Amino acid sequence: MSEEISDREDATADLASVEEIANSDTEFDLSSPEGRYLARSKSFVSRARQLSDSLQHTWDAHAGEYVLEVPAGAGYTAVAEDAKPLSFKRIFDRNSVVRLEIGTGNGDQIVSAAVSHPDRDYIGFEVYRPGVAQTVSKAVKAGVANLRIIEADAAQALPILFPEGSLDEVWTFFPDPWRKTKHHKRRLVQAGFAQTVARVLRPGGVWRLATDWSDYAFQMRDVIESSPYFENPYAGVNPHEEDPDPGRGGFAPRWDGRVMTKFERRAIDAGREVFDLVAQRLS
């Protein structure tokens, strides 16, 4: 839930960071034939990594239990290209269903899921260290052992670290919307990333998405329905009046497994509608 964390930053500093990145990042191809991104054009805004005293204490005491150490690449959010794929059995000491959240934010979703389903294992990607530390803190308080966090950019690290067909579900809730039209190319949910997600999902596996920006919801729907790897089980359902293709629909009902965060409540209070989408991996 990277947008949840974005909302907590100082507005002036946030705008400066966006403009800095927009002016300095290079163009890139979305994916190679192997599904790996060819250049480091980030789908998130770089932010401070400094922890408060309390979060630093949590980090020092418990990061070793919950934060997976992976070989670093160029930059603190990148994973080395020659890193070995993860072994879930080695990580969790059992064979189980594994689900991945991309952008865990402050950890509300992934910790709630870990508590509710102790028979499943959960891994999350988050690039913002204070968010990772807050997730660790909540996991410690909840007493869960079936959760791990990777401090890395999922777009770059996912095809390196996760074996083909290894995941039951992937969640991408409230990714950074990159609201300006000229920045839409930086959005995470694009055709190339859909290919990457499809690779790590088992046949029949599910990719769940949510956003509170209607134009991003329409883009997500288009990406899903144009992908040769997915089908939209809600195609034609819930058409929206703002859709450039009226009557098309393609939006799922709110998934009851997605927790209501403070960020989502603020979005609703601000008058923004929340869209849920589902993509099912084809065999």
Foldseek 3Di string as FASTA:
>chain_A
DQVVVVVVDDPVVSVVQVVVLVVPDDDFDLADPLLATDDDNALHGDDDQDDDPVLVVLCVVFLVQAEDDADADPDPQAGDQQTAADDVCVNQVDDAAEEEEEACFQQPQVLVVCLVCVRYAYEYEHQHNNSVSSNSVSNVVSVGRRYHYYNHRCNRCLSRHAAFQRHQEYEYEARPCLPDPVCNVSHCQDLSNVVSVLRRHHAFHKYKYKHLDVVVVLVNQVSQVVHPFWDQPQFQHDFDPVRPPGSGDRFDDDDPSGDDDPVNVVSVVVPTDMTMTMITTHD
